[in-house]
């Protein structure tokens, strides 16, 4: 997918709205701004070819990443806010007394974020 066309690109809820849960939308919008600025660093914005390449770098960096995390945010919101009572008690017991939730968060969220941060070049 692409969030960019011509000289325009989008960030935040305009392209990856999530339910208001755990600050995912705000966090991803801030990340979008960071990666957009990184993708356009040193680009002559008057040069349409350079701009297109910079926006393509931004799209490559963000689109699949945020789609994956928007889905995860939706699932976590449903898990924590729509699970009916005896199942919510079971969920809480599993999460409180096992490493399951930590494992899922590391595998599905923190691993991607860590890979992005390690790939940064300053």
PDB file of N, CA and C in Angstrom:
ATOM      1  N   UNK A   1       0.804  -1.181   0.000  1.00  0.00           N
ATOM      2  CA  UNK A   1       0.000   0.000   0.000  1.00  0.00           C
ATOM      3  C   UNK A   1       0.851   1.250   0.000  1.00  0.00           C
ATOM      4  N   UNK A   2       0.181   2.342  -0.213  1.00  0.00           N
ATOM      5  CA  UNK A   2       0.863   3.630  -0.254  1.00  0.00           C
ATOM      6  C   UNK A   2      -0.004   4.688   0.413  1.00  0.00           C
ATOM      7  N   UNK A   3       0.647   5.565   1.156  1.00  0.00           N
ATOM      8  CA  UNK A   3      -0.042   6.696   1.755  1.00  0.00           C
ATOM      9  C   UNK A   3       0.296   7.978   1.017  1.00  0.00           C
ATOM     10  N   UNK A   4       1.125   7.864  -0.013  1.00  0.00           N
ATOM     11  CA  UNK A   4       1.632   9.045  -0.700  1.00  0.00           C
ATOM     12  C   UNK A   4       1.183   9.048  -2.154  1.00  0.00           C
ATOM     13  N   UNK A   5       0.895  10.247  -2.635  1.00  0.00           N
ATOM     14  CA  UNK A   5       0.565  10.431  -4.048  1.00  0.00           C
ATOM     15  C   UNK A   5       1.018  11.833  -4.431  1.00  0.00           C
ATOM     16  N   UNK A   6       1.820  11.898  -5.489  1.00  0.00           N
ATOM     17  CA  UNK A   6       2.333  13.196  -5.913  1.00  0.00           C
ATOM     18  C   UNK A   6       3.173  13.823  -4.821  1.00  0.00           C
ATOM     19  N   UNK A   7       2.802  15.036  -4.417  1.00  0.00           N
ATOM     20  CA  UNK A   7       3.561  15.760  -3.399  1.00  0.00           C
ATOM     21  C   UNK A   7       2.918  15.651  -2.010  1.00  0.00           C
ATOM     22  N   UNK A   8       1.952  14.754  -1.851  1.00  0.00           N
ATOM     23  CA  UNK A   8       1.192  14.660  -0.605  1.00  0.00           C
ATOM     24  C   UNK A   8       1.380  13.276   0.014  1.00  0.00           C
ATOM     25  N   UNK A   9       1.503  13.259   1.337  1.00  0.00           N
ATOM     26  CA  UNK A   9       1.515  12.002   2.078  1.00  0.00           C
ATOM     27  C   UNK A   9       0.740  12.223   3.374  1.00  0.00           C
ATOM     28  N   UNK A  10       0.314  11.143   3.970  1.00  0.00           N
ATOM     29  CA  UNK A  10      -0.505  11.226   5.175  1.00  0.00           C
ATOM     30  C   UNK A  10       0.192  10.575   6.363  1.00  0.00           C
ATOM     31  N   UNK A  11      -0.221  10.982   7.551  1.00  0.00           N
ATOM     32  CA  UNK A  11       0.273  10.409   8.799  1.00  0.00           C
ATOM     33  C   UNK A  11      -0.899  10.212   9.751  1.00  0.00           C
ATOM     34  N   UNK A  12      -0.673   9.422  10.775  1.00  0.00           N
ATOM     35  CA  UNK A  12      -1.622   9.300  11.874  1.00  0.00           C
ATOM     36  C   UNK A  12      -2.952   8.659  11.522  1.00  0.00           C
ATOM     37  N   UNK A  13      -3.986   9.093  12.225  1.00  0.00           N
ATOM     38  CA  UNK A  13      -5.321   8.500  12.075  1.00  0.00           C
ATOM     39  C   UNK A  13      -5.889   8.649  10.674  1.00  0.00           C
ATOM     40  N   UNK A  14      -5.340   9.551   9.875  1.00  0.00           N
ATOM     41  CA  UNK A  14      -5.811   9.694   8.498  1.00  0.00           C
ATOM     42  C   UNK A  14      -5.586   8.413   7.705  1.00  0.00           C
ATOM     43  N   UNK A  15      -4.605   7.619   8.101  1.00  0.00           N
ATOM     44  CA  UNK A  15      -4.287   6.396   7.358  1.00  0.00           C
ATOM     45  C   UNK A  15      -4.303   5.129   8.204  1.00  0.00           C
ATOM     46  N   UNK A  16      -4.261   5.255   9.517  1.00  0.00           N
ATOM     47  CA  UNK A  16      -4.327   4.060  10.360  1.00  0.00           C
ATOM     48  C   UNK A  16      -5.088   4.352  11.654  1.00  0.00           C
ATOM     49  N   UNK A  17      -6.404   4.592  11.518  1.00  0.00           N
ATOM     50  CA  UNK A  17      -7.182   4.850  12.733  1.00  0.00           C
ATOM     51  C   UNK A  17      -7.282   3.594  13.596  1.00  0.00           C
ATOM     52  N   UNK A  18      -7.099   3.782  14.873  1.00  0.00           N
ATOM     53  CA  UNK A  18      -7.248   2.684  15.823  1.00  0.00           C
ATOM     54  C   UNK A  18      -8.206   3.130  16.916  1.00  0.00           C
ATOM     55  N   UNK A  19      -8.779   2.162  17.595  1.00  0.00           N
ATOM     56  CA  UNK A  19      -9.646   2.511  18.710  1.00  0.00           C
ATOM     57  C   UNK A  19      -8.786   3.183  19.787  1.00  0.00           C
ATOM     58  N   UNK A  20      -9.387   4.064  20.585  1.00  0.00           N
ATOM     59  CA  UNK A  20      -8.598   4.783  21.581  1.00  0.00           C
ATOM     60  C   UNK A  20      -8.205   3.866  22.740  1.00  0.00           C
ATOM     61  N   UNK A  21      -7.174   3.086  22.504  1.00  0.00           N
ATOM     62  CA  UNK A  21      -6.736   2.114  23.500  1.00  0.00           C
ATOM     63  C   UNK A  21      -5.228   2.205  23.661  1.00  0.00           C
ATOM     64  N   UNK A  22      -4.767   2.464  24.826  1.00  0.00           N
ATOM     65  CA  UNK A  22      -3.355   2.414  25.195  1.00  0.00           C
ATOM     66  C   UNK A  22      -2.469   3.378  24.408  1.00  0.00           C
ATOM     67  N   UNK A  23      -3.041   4.400  23.802  1.00  0.00           N
ATOM     68  CA  UNK A  23      -2.246   5.400  23.105  1.00  0.00           C
ATOM     69  C   UNK A  23      -1.621   4.943  21.802  1.00  0.00           C
ATOM     70  N   UNK A  24      -2.128   3.844  21.230  1.00  0.00           N
ATOM     71  CA  UNK A  24      -1.539   3.344  19.978  1.00  0.00           C
ATOM     72  C   UNK A  24      -1.585   4.390  18.873  1.00  0.00           C
ATOM     73  N   UNK A  25      -2.716   5.041  18.684  1.00  0.00           N
ATOM     74  CA  UNK A  25      -2.860   6.010  17.601  1.00  0.00           C
ATOM     75  C   UNK A  25      -1.895   7.169  17.748  1.00  0.00           C
ATOM     76  N   UNK A  26      -1.820   7.714  18.950  1.00  0.00           N
ATOM     77  CA  UNK A  26      -0.918   8.828  19.198  1.00  0.00           C
ATOM     78  C   UNK A  26       0.530   8.393  18.994  1.00  0.00           C
ATOM     79  N   UNK A  27       0.883   7.245  19.532  1.00  0.00           N
ATOM     80  CA  UNK A  27       2.253   6.753  19.395  1.00  0.00           C
ATOM     81  C   UNK A  27       2.643   6.527  17.944  1.00  0.00           C
ATOM     82  N   UNK A  28       1.747   5.900  17.181  1.00  0.00           N
ATOM     83  CA  UNK A  28       2.062   5.642  15.774  1.00  0.00           C
ATOM     84  C   UNK A  28       2.106   6.939  14.975  1.00  0.00           C
ATOM     85  N   UNK A  29       1.276   7.931  15.312  1.00  0.00           N
ATOM     86  CA  UNK A  29       1.311   9.211  14.601  1.00  0.00           C
ATOM     87  C   UNK A  29       2.642   9.922  14.845  1.00  0.00           C
ATOM     88  N   UNK A  30       3.129   9.872  16.072  1.00  0.00           N
ATOM     89  CA  UNK A  30       4.436  10.468  16.381  1.00  0.00           C
ATOM     90  C   UNK A  30       5.534   9.734  15.608  1.00  0.00           C
ATOM     91  N   UNK A  31       5.462   8.406  15.593  1.00  0.00           N
ATOM     92  CA  UNK A  31       6.438   7.629  14.817  1.00  0.00           C
ATOM     93  C   UNK A  31       6.353   7.986  13.333  1.00  0.00           C
ATOM     94  N   UNK A  32       5.134   8.146  12.805  1.00  0.00           N
ATOM     95  CA  UNK A  32       4.967   8.521  11.394  1.00  0.00           C
ATOM     96  C   UNK A  32       5.721   9.820  11.099  1.00  0.00           C
ATOM     97  N   UNK A  33       5.542  10.814  11.944  1.00  0.00           N
ATOM     98  CA  UNK A  33       6.235  12.085  11.739  1.00  0.00           C
ATOM     99  C   UNK A  33       7.741  11.919  11.755  1.00  0.00           C
ATOM    100  N   UNK A  34       8.220  11.108  12.683  1.00  0.00           N
ATOM    101  CA  UNK A  34       9.662  10.848  12.762  1.00  0.00           C
ATOM    102  C   UNK A  34      10.164  10.202  11.479  1.00  0.00           C
ATOM    103  N   UNK A  35       9.479   9.133  11.026  1.00  0.00           N
ATOM    104  CA  UNK A  35       9.941   8.408   9.841  1.00  0.00           C
ATOM    105  C   UNK A  35       9.745   9.230   8.565  1.00  0.00           C
ATOM    106  N   UNK A  36       8.725  10.064   8.515  1.00  0.00           N
ATOM    107  CA  UNK A  36       8.566  10.937   7.350  1.00  0.00           C
ATOM    108  C   UNK A  36       9.735  11.915   7.276  1.00  0.00           C
ATOM    109  N   UNK A  37      10.093  12.500   8.417  1.00  0.00           N
ATOM    110  CA  UNK A  37      11.222  13.435   8.415  1.00  0.00           C
ATOM    111  C   UNK A  37      12.528  12.730   8.057  1.00  0.00           C
ATOM    112  N   UNK A  38      12.716  11.509   8.553  1.00  0.00           N
ATOM    113  CA  UNK A  38      13.927  10.737   8.199  1.00  0.00           C
ATOM    114  C   UNK A  38      13.948  10.417   6.712  1.00  0.00           C
ATOM    115  N   UNK A  39      12.812  10.078   6.154  1.00  0.00           N
ATOM    116  CA  UNK A  39      12.733   9.696   4.749  1.00  0.00           C
ATOM    117  C   UNK A  39      12.972  10.880   3.821  1.00  0.00           C
ATOM    118  N   UNK A  40      12.675  12.081   4.315  1.00  0.00           N
ATOM    119  CA  UNK A  40      12.833  13.272   3.476  1.00  0.00           C
ATOM    120  C   UNK A  40      14.102  14.068   3.803  1.00  0.00           C
ATOM    121  N   UNK A  41      14.878  13.590   4.778  1.00  0.00           N
ATOM    122  CA  UNK A  41      16.116  14.285   5.148  1.00  0.00           C
ATOM    123  C   UNK A  41      17.048  14.364   3.940  1.00  0.00           C
ATOM    124  N   UNK A  42      17.501  15.564   3.625  1.00  0.00           N
ATOM    125  CA  UNK A  42      18.420  15.760   2.521  1.00  0.00           C
ATOM    126  C   UNK A  42      17.786  15.751   1.148  1.00  0.00           C
ATOM    127  N   UNK A  43      16.469  15.590   1.077  1.00  0.00           N
ATOM    128  CA  UNK A  43      15.771  15.538  -0.201  1.00  0.00           C
ATOM    129  C   UNK A  43      15.457  16.957  -0.666  1.00  0.00           C
ATOM    130  N   UNK A  44      15.723  17.233  -1.924  1.00  0.00           N
ATOM    131  CA  UNK A  44      15.320  18.505  -2.528  1.00  0.00           C
ATOM    132  C   UNK A  44      13.831  18.392  -2.835  1.00  0.00           C
ATOM    133  N   UNK A  45      13.007  19.027  -2.025  1.00  0.00           N
ATOM    134  CA  UNK A  45      11.555  18.895  -2.155  1.00  0.00           C
ATOM    135  C   UNK A  45      11.014  19.482  -3.455  1.00  0.00           C
ATOM    136  N   UNK A  46      11.799  20.310  -4.124  1.00  0.00           N
ATOM    137  CA  UNK A  46      11.386  20.853  -5.417  1.00  0.00           C
ATOM    138  C   UNK A  46      11.611  19.853  -6.545  1.00  0.00           C
ATOM    139  N   UNK A  47      12.434  18.842  -6.293  1.00  0.00           N
ATOM    140  CA  UNK A  47      12.731  17.809  -7.292  1.00  0.00           C
ATOM    141  C   UNK A  47      11.712  16.678  -7.118  1.00  0.00           C
ATOM    142  N   UNK A  48      10.777  16.573  -8.046  1.00  0.00           N
ATOM    143  CA  UNK A  48       9.694  15.581  -7.913  1.00  0.00           C
ATOM    144  C   UNK A  48      10.211  14.145  -7.825  1.00  0.00           C
ATOM    145  N   UNK A  49      11.284  13.821  -8.520  1.00  0.00           N
ATOM    146  CA  UNK A  49      11.840  12.463  -8.478  1.00  0.00           C
ATOM    147  C   UNK A  49      12.414  12.158  -7.100  1.00  0.00           C
ATOM    148  N   UNK A  50      13.194  13.083  -6.542  1.00  0.00           N
ATOM    149  CA  UNK A  50      13.739  12.883  -5.196  1.00  0.00           C
ATOM    150  C   UNK A  50      12.616  12.783  -4.167  1.00  0.00           C
ATOM    151  N   UNK A  51      11.621  13.650  -4.299  1.00  0.00           N
ATOM    152  CA  UNK A  51      10.492  13.626  -3.373  1.00  0.00           C
ATOM    153  C   UNK A  51       9.755  12.295  -3.457  1.00  0.00           C
ATOM    154  N   UNK A  52       9.515  11.816  -4.674  1.00  0.00           N
ATOM    155  CA  UNK A  52       8.833  10.529  -4.850  1.00  0.00           C
ATOM    156  C   UNK A  52       9.623   9.404  -4.205  1.00  0.00           C
ATOM    157  N   UNK A  53      10.940   9.439  -4.345  1.00  0.00           N
ATOM    158  CA  UNK A  53      11.776   8.398  -3.721  1.00  0.00           C
ATOM    159  C   UNK A  53      11.716   8.486  -2.203  1.00  0.00           C
ATOM    160  N   UNK A  54      11.748   9.702  -1.665  1.00  0.00           N
ATOM    161  CA  UNK A  54      11.660   9.876  -0.219  1.00  0.00           C
ATOM    162  C   UNK A  54      10.324   9.400   0.327  1.00  0.00           C
ATOM    163  N   UNK A  55       9.244   9.746  -0.361  1.00  0.00           N
ATOM    164  CA  UNK A  55       7.919   9.304   0.094  1.00  0.00           C
ATOM    165  C   UNK A  55       7.756   7.795  -0.054  1.00  0.00           C
ATOM    166  N   UNK A  56       8.377   7.220  -1.058  1.00  0.00           N
ATOM    167  CA  UNK A  56       8.341   5.758  -1.214  1.00  0.00           C
ATOM    168  C   UNK A  56       9.079   5.089  -0.054  1.00  0.00           C
ATOM    169  N   UNK A  57      10.187   5.682   0.398  1.00  0.00           N
ATOM    170  CA  UNK A  57      10.904   5.139   1.572  1.00  0.00           C
ATOM    171  C   UNK A  57      10.001   5.190   2.806  1.00  0.00           C
ATOM    172  N   UNK A  58       9.301   6.294   2.957  1.00  0.00           N
ATOM    173  CA  UNK A  58       8.371   6.447   4.082  1.00  0.00           C
ATOM    174  C   UNK A  58       7.275   5.382   4.021  1.00  0.00           C
ATOM    175  N   UNK A  59       6.653   5.214   2.866  1.00  0.00           N
ATOM    176  CA  UNK A  59       5.594   4.212   2.713  1.00  0.00           C
ATOM    177  C   UNK A  59       6.121   2.820   3.025  1.00  0.00           C
ATOM    178  N   UNK A  60       7.305   2.500   2.528  1.00  0.00           N
ATOM    179  CA  UNK A  60       7.899   1.184   2.771  1.00  0.00           C
ATOM    180  C   UNK A  60       8.120   0.966   4.261  1.00  0.00           C
ATOM    181  N   UNK A  61       8.559   1.999   4.953  1.00  0.00           N
ATOM    182  CA  UNK A  61       8.848   1.899   6.388  1.00  0.00           C
ATOM    183  C   UNK A  61       7.572   1.755   7.207  1.00  0.00           C
ATOM    184  N   UNK A  62       6.505   2.453   6.842  1.00  0.00           N
ATOM    185  CA  UNK A  62       5.378   2.583   7.754  1.00  0.00           C
ATOM    186  C   UNK A  62       4.135   1.770   7.446  1.00  0.00           C
ATOM    187  N   UNK A  63       3.769   1.579   6.195  1.00  0.00           N
ATOM    188  CA  UNK A  63       2.444   1.049   5.871  1.00  0.00           C
ATOM    189  C   UNK A  63       2.206  -0.329   6.488  1.00  0.00           C
ATOM    190  N   UNK A  64       3.031  -1.310   6.192  1.00  0.00           N
ATOM    191  CA  UNK A  64       2.765  -2.653   6.724  1.00  0.00           C
ATOM    192  C   UNK A  64       2.949  -2.695   8.236  1.00  0.00           C
ATOM    193  N   UNK A  65       3.923  -1.950   8.750  1.00  0.00           N
ATOM    194  CA  UNK A  65       4.158  -1.906  10.192  1.00  0.00           C
ATOM    195  C   UNK A  65       2.927  -1.402  10.932  1.00  0.00           C
ATOM    196  N   UNK A  66       2.381  -0.267  10.506  1.00  0.00           N
ATOM    197  CA  UNK A  66       1.239   0.291  11.224  1.00  0.00           C
ATOM    198  C   UNK A  66      -0.033  -0.516  10.997  1.00  0.00           C
ATOM    199  N   UNK A  67      -0.194  -1.098   9.813  1.00  0.00           N
ATOM    200  CA  UNK A  67      -1.359  -1.969   9.603  1.00  0.00           C
ATOM    201  C   UNK A  67      -1.337  -3.127  10.592  1.00  0.00           C
ATOM    202  N   UNK A  68      -0.177  -3.746  10.760  1.00  0.00           N
ATOM    203  CA  UNK A  68      -0.040  -4.866  11.702  1.00  0.00           C
ATOM    204  C   UNK A  68      -0.371  -4.416  13.126  1.00  0.00           C
ATOM    205  N   UNK A  69       0.124  -3.249  13.524  1.00  0.00           N
ATOM    206  CA  UNK A  69      -0.086  -2.801  14.894  1.00  0.00           C
ATOM    207  C   UNK A  69      -1.495  -2.244  15.125  1.00  0.00           C
ATOM    208  N   UNK A  70      -2.121  -1.723  14.093  1.00  0.00           N
ATOM    209  CA  UNK A  70      -3.521  -1.304  14.230  1.00  0.00           C
ATOM    210  C   UNK A  70      -4.409  -2.519  14.474  1.00  0.00           C
ATOM    211  N   UNK A  71      -4.130  -3.612  13.788  1.00  0.00           N
ATOM    212  CA  UNK A  71      -4.876  -4.859  14.006  1.00  0.00           C
ATOM    213  C   UNK A  71      -4.641  -5.365  15.423  1.00  0.00           C
ATOM    214  N   UNK A  72      -3.372  -5.337  15.864  1.00  0.00           N
ATOM    215  CA  UNK A  72      -3.066  -5.796  17.219  1.00  0.00           C
ATOM    216  C   UNK A  72      -3.769  -4.920  18.257  1.00  0.00           C
ATOM    217  N   UNK A  73      -3.792  -3.596  18.053  1.00  0.00           N
ATOM    218  CA  UNK A  73      -4.459  -2.696  18.995  1.00  0.00           C
ATOM    219  C   UNK A  73      -5.944  -3.018  19.080  1.00  0.00           C
ATOM    220  N   UNK A  74      -6.557  -3.290  17.933  1.00  0.00           N
ATOM    221  CA  UNK A  74      -7.975  -3.638  17.916  1.00  0.00           C
ATOM    222  C   UNK A  74      -8.212  -4.928  18.697  1.00  0.00           C
ATOM    223  N   UNK A  75      -7.363  -5.915  18.469  1.00  0.00           N
ATOM    224  CA  UNK A  75      -7.517  -7.193  19.178  1.00  0.00           C
ATOM    225  C   UNK A  75      -7.316  -7.032  20.675  1.00  0.00           C
ATOM    226  N   UNK A  76      -6.304  -6.260  21.064  1.00  0.00           N
ATOM    227  CA  UNK A  76      -6.053  -6.059  22.499  1.00  0.00           C
ATOM    228  C   UNK A  76      -7.211  -5.292  23.136  1.00  0.00           C
ATOM    229  N   UNK A  77      -7.734  -4.288  22.449  1.00  0.00           N
ATOM    230  CA  UNK A  77      -8.885  -3.555  22.968  1.00  0.00           C
ATOM    231  C   UNK A  77     -10.075  -4.465  23.181  1.00  0.00           C
ATOM    232  N   UNK A  78     -10.343  -5.323  22.205  1.00  0.00           N
ATOM    233  CA  UNK A  78     -11.450  -6.278  22.357  1.00  0.00           C
ATOM    234  C   UNK A  78     -11.176  -7.254  23.489  1.00  0.00           C
ATOM    235  N   UNK A  79      -9.956  -7.739  23.576  1.00  0.00           N
ATOM    236  CA  UNK A  79      -9.605  -8.701  24.619  1.00  0.00           C
ATOM    237  C   UNK A  79      -9.797  -8.117  26.012  1.00  0.00           C
ATOM    238  N   UNK A  80      -9.374  -6.882  26.198  1.00  0.00           N
ATOM    239  CA  UNK A  80      -9.444  -6.288  27.530  1.00  0.00           C
ATOM    240  C   UNK A  80     -10.766  -5.600  27.842  1.00  0.00           C
ATOM    241  N   UNK A  81     -11.536  -5.217  26.831  1.00  0.00           N
ATOM    242  CA  UNK A  81     -12.738  -4.434  27.111  1.00  0.00           C
ATOM    243  C   UNK A  81     -14.043  -5.088  26.667  1.00  0.00           C
ATOM    244  N   UNK A  82     -13.967  -6.200  25.985  1.00  0.00           N
ATOM    245  CA  UNK A  82     -15.204  -6.831  25.520  1.00  0.00           C
ATOM    246  C   UNK A  82     -15.322  -8.296  25.919  1.00  0.00           C
ATOM    247  N   UNK A  83     -14.407  -8.766  26.719  1.00  0.00           N
ATOM    248  CA  UNK A  83     -14.478 -10.155  27.167  1.00  0.00           C
ATOM    249  C   UNK A  83     -15.489 -10.257  28.310  1.00  0.00           C
ATOM    250  N   UNK A  84     -16.483 -11.110  28.182  1.00  0.00           N
ATOM    251  CA  UNK A  84     -17.492 -11.230  29.247  1.00  0.00           C
ATOM    252  C   UNK A  84     -16.933 -11.897  30.505  1.00  0.00           C
ATOM    253  N   UNK A  85     -17.713 -11.700  31.610  1.00  0.00           N
ATOM    254  CA  UNK A  85     -17.198 -12.115  32.899  1.00  0.00           C
ATOM    255  C   UNK A  85     -16.750 -13.550  33.003  1.00  0.00           C
ATOM    256  N   UNK A  86     -17.139 -14.610  32.967  1.00  0.00           N
ATOM    257  CA  UNK A  86     -16.209 -15.604  33.518  1.00  0.00           C
ATOM    258  C   UNK A  86     -14.939 -15.720  32.690  1.00  0.00           C
ATOM    259  N   UNK A  87     -15.021 -15.377  31.404  1.00  0.00           N
ATOM    260  CA  UNK A  87     -13.821 -15.466  30.563  1.00  0.00           C
ATOM    261  C   UNK A  87     -12.797 -14.384  30.932  1.00  0.00           C
ATOM    262  N   UNK A  88     -13.265 -13.224  31.359  1.00  0.00           N
ATOM    263  CA  UNK A  88     -12.313 -12.178  31.753  1.00  0.00           C
ATOM    264  C   UNK A  88     -11.544 -12.583  33.005  1.00  0.00           C
ATOM    265  N   UNK A  89     -12.191 -13.308  33.914  1.00  0.00           N
ATOM    266  CA  UNK A  89     -11.489 -13.793  35.103  1.00  0.00           C
ATOM    267  C   UNK A  89     -10.421 -14.810  34.710  1.00  0.00           C
ATOM    268  N   UNK A  90     -10.741 -15.683  33.778  1.00  0.00           N
ATOM    269  CA  UNK A  90      -9.762 -16.655  33.286  1.00  0.00           C
ATOM    270  C   UNK A  90      -8.615 -15.942  32.572  1.00  0.00           C
ATOM    271  N   UNK A  91      -8.953 -14.973  31.717  1.00  0.00           N
ATOM    272  CA  UNK A  91      -7.933 -14.182  31.017  1.00  0.00           C
ATOM    273  C   UNK A  91      -6.988 -13.534  32.014  1.00  0.00           C
ATOM    274  N   UNK A  92      -7.548 -12.888  33.039  1.00  0.00           N
ATOM    275  CA  UNK A  92      -6.716 -12.201  34.029  1.00  0.00           C
ATOM    276  C   UNK A  92      -5.818 -13.179  34.779  1.00  0.00           C
ATOM    277  N   UNK A  93      -6.346 -14.347  35.102  1.00  0.00           N
ATOM    278  CA  UNK A  93      -5.530 -15.358  35.805  1.00  0.00           C
ATOM    279  C   UNK A  93      -4.363 -15.805  34.931  1.00  0.00           C
ATOM    280  N   UNK A  94      -4.630 -16.054  33.667  1.00  0.00           N
ATOM    281  CA  UNK A  94      -3.555 -16.478  32.753  1.00  0.00           C
ATOM    282  C   UNK A  94      -2.527 -15.363  32.610  1.00  0.00           C
ATOM    283  N   UNK A  95      -2.983 -14.127  32.378  1.00  0.00           N
ATOM    284  CA  UNK A  95      -2.050 -13.015  32.182  1.00  0.00           C
ATOM    285  C   UNK A  95      -1.264 -12.690  33.447  1.00  0.00           C
ATOM    286  N   UNK A  96      -1.895 -12.824  34.606  1.00  0.00           N
ATOM    287  CA  UNK A  96      -1.231 -12.479  35.858  1.00  0.00           C
ATOM    288  C   UNK A  96      -0.265 -13.543  36.357  1.00  0.00           C
ATOM    289  N   UNK A  97      -0.471 -14.788  35.951  1.00  0.00           N
ATOM    290  CA  UNK A  97       0.323 -15.864  36.537  1.00  0.00           C
ATOM    291  C   UNK A  97       1.159 -16.647  35.522  1.00  0.00           C
ATOM    292  N   UNK A  98       1.236 -16.170  34.309  1.00  0.00           N
ATOM    293  CA  UNK A  98       2.083 -16.804  33.302  1.00  0.00           C
ATOM    294  C   UNK A  98       2.834 -15.708  32.547  1.00  0.00           C
ATOM    295  N   UNK A  99       3.758 -16.091  31.717  1.00  0.00           N
ATOM    296  CA  UNK A  99       4.481 -15.137  30.885  1.00  0.00           C
ATOM    297  C   UNK A  99       3.857 -14.962  29.514  1.00  0.00           C
ATOM    298  N   UNK A 100       2.611 -15.436  29.345  1.00  0.00           N
ATOM    299  CA  UNK A 100       1.983 -15.433  28.025  1.00  0.00           C
ATOM    300  C   UNK A 100       1.866 -14.033  27.418  1.00  0.00           C
ATOM    301  N   UNK A 101       1.329 -13.068  28.169  1.00  0.00           N
ATOM    302  CA  UNK A 101       1.125 -11.720  27.639  1.00  0.00           C
ATOM    303  C   UNK A 101       2.464 -11.076  27.288  1.00  0.00           C
ATOM    304  N   UNK A 102       3.449 -11.235  28.139  1.00  0.00           N
ATOM    305  CA  UNK A 102       4.778 -10.682  27.855  1.00  0.00           C
ATOM    306  C   UNK A 102       5.345 -11.294  26.578  1.00  0.00           C
ATOM    307  N   UNK A 103       5.202 -12.585  26.415  1.00  0.00           N
ATOM    308  CA  UNK A 103       5.689 -13.265  25.212  1.00  0.00           C
ATOM    309  C   UNK A 103       5.015 -12.707  23.960  1.00  0.00           C
ATOM    310  N   UNK A 104       3.701 -12.545  24.009  1.00  0.00           N
ATOM    311  CA  UNK A 104       2.956 -12.032  22.860  1.00  0.00           C
ATOM    312  C   UNK A 104       3.395 -10.600  22.538  1.00  0.00           C
ATOM    313  N   UNK A 105       3.560  -9.770  23.558  1.00  0.00           N
ATOM    314  CA  UNK A 105       3.965  -8.384  23.329  1.00  0.00           C
ATOM    315  C   UNK A 105       5.376  -8.306  22.742  1.00  0.00           C
ATOM    316  N   UNK A 106       6.277  -9.110  23.241  1.00  0.00           N
ATOM    317  CA  UNK A 106       7.642  -9.094  22.709  1.00  0.00           C
ATOM    318  C   UNK A 106       7.655  -9.594  21.275  1.00  0.00           C
ATOM    319  N   UNK A 107       6.951 -10.691  21.017  1.00  0.00           N
ATOM    320  CA  UNK A 107       6.941 -11.283  19.678  1.00  0.00           C
ATOM    321  C   UNK A 107       6.242 -10.385  18.661  1.00  0.00           C
ATOM    322  N   UNK A 108       5.110  -9.804  19.031  1.00  0.00           N
ATOM    323  CA  UNK A 108       4.275  -9.093  18.065  1.00  0.00           C
ATOM    324  C   UNK A 108       4.462  -7.580  18.043  1.00  0.00           C
ATOM    325  N   UNK A 109       5.142  -7.021  19.013  1.00  0.00           N
ATOM    326  CA  UNK A 109       5.242  -5.562  19.030  1.00  0.00           C
ATOM    327  C   UNK A 109       6.682  -5.102  19.242  1.00  0.00           C
ATOM    328  N   UNK A 110       7.270  -5.515  20.334  1.00  0.00           N
ATOM    329  CA  UNK A 110       8.582  -4.997  20.684  1.00  0.00           C
ATOM    330  C   UNK A 110       9.665  -5.436  19.706  1.00  0.00           C
ATOM    331  N   UNK A 111       9.548  -6.627  19.138  1.00  0.00           N
ATOM    332  CA  UNK A 111      10.552  -7.113  18.189  1.00  0.00           C
ATOM    333  C   UNK A 111      10.631  -6.193  16.980  1.00  0.00           C
ATOM    334  N   UNK A 112       9.491  -5.813  16.429  1.00  0.00           N
ATOM    335  CA  UNK A 112       9.462  -4.903  15.276  1.00  0.00           C
ATOM    336  C   UNK A 112      10.050  -3.540  15.639  1.00  0.00           C
ATOM    337  N   UNK A 113       9.662  -3.013  16.778  1.00  0.00           N
ATOM    338  CA  UNK A 113      10.142  -1.702  17.202  1.00  0.00           C
ATOM    339  C   UNK A 113      11.649  -1.728  17.432  1.00  0.00           C
ATOM    340  N   UNK A 114      12.125  -2.777  18.053  1.00  0.00           N
ATOM    341  CA  UNK A 114      13.559  -2.894  18.303  1.00  0.00           C
ATOM    342  C   UNK A 114      14.337  -2.981  16.988  1.00  0.00           C
ATOM    343  N   UNK A 115      13.837  -3.731  16.036  1.00  0.00           N
ATOM    344  CA  UNK A 115      14.501  -3.855  14.722  1.00  0.00           C
ATOM    345  C   UNK A 115      14.576  -2.498  14.042  1.00  0.00           C
ATOM    346  N   UNK A 116      13.499  -1.711  14.129  1.00  0.00           N
ATOM    347  CA  UNK A 116      13.508  -0.381  13.525  1.00  0.00           C
ATOM    348  C   UNK A 116      14.547   0.510  14.188  1.00  0.00           C
ATOM    349  N   UNK A 117      14.587   0.489  15.499  1.00  0.00           N
ATOM    350  CA  UNK A 117      15.527   1.351  16.210  1.00  0.00           C
ATOM    351  C   UNK A 117      16.975   0.938  15.934  1.00  0.00           C
ATOM    352  N   UNK A 118      17.243  -0.349  15.864  1.00  0.00           N
ATOM    353  CA  UNK A 118      18.599  -0.799  15.581  1.00  0.00           C
ATOM    354  C   UNK A 118      19.039  -0.452  14.167  1.00  0.00           C
ATOM    355  N   UNK A 119      18.085  -0.289  13.252  1.00  0.00           N
ATOM    356  CA  UNK A 119      18.413   0.042  11.869  1.00  0.00           C
ATOM    357  C   UNK A 119      18.669   1.532  11.655  1.00  0.00           C
ATOM    358  N   UNK A 120      18.397   2.342  12.677  1.00  0.00           N
ATOM    359  CA  UNK A 120      18.603   3.781  12.536  1.00  0.00           C
ATOM    360  C   UNK A 120      20.079   4.104  12.368  1.00  0.00           C
ATOM    361  N   UNK A 121      20.340   5.021  11.487  1.00  0.00           N
ATOM    362  CA  UNK A 121      21.687   5.516  11.290  1.00  0.00           C
ATOM    363  C   UNK A 121      21.673   7.014  11.497  1.00  0.00           C
ATOM    364  N   UNK A 122      22.531   7.484  12.372  1.00  0.00           N
ATOM    365  CA  UNK A 122      22.596   8.931  12.655  1.00  0.00           C
ATOM    366  C   UNK A 122      23.867   9.501  12.102  1.00  0.00           C
TER     367      UNK A 122
END
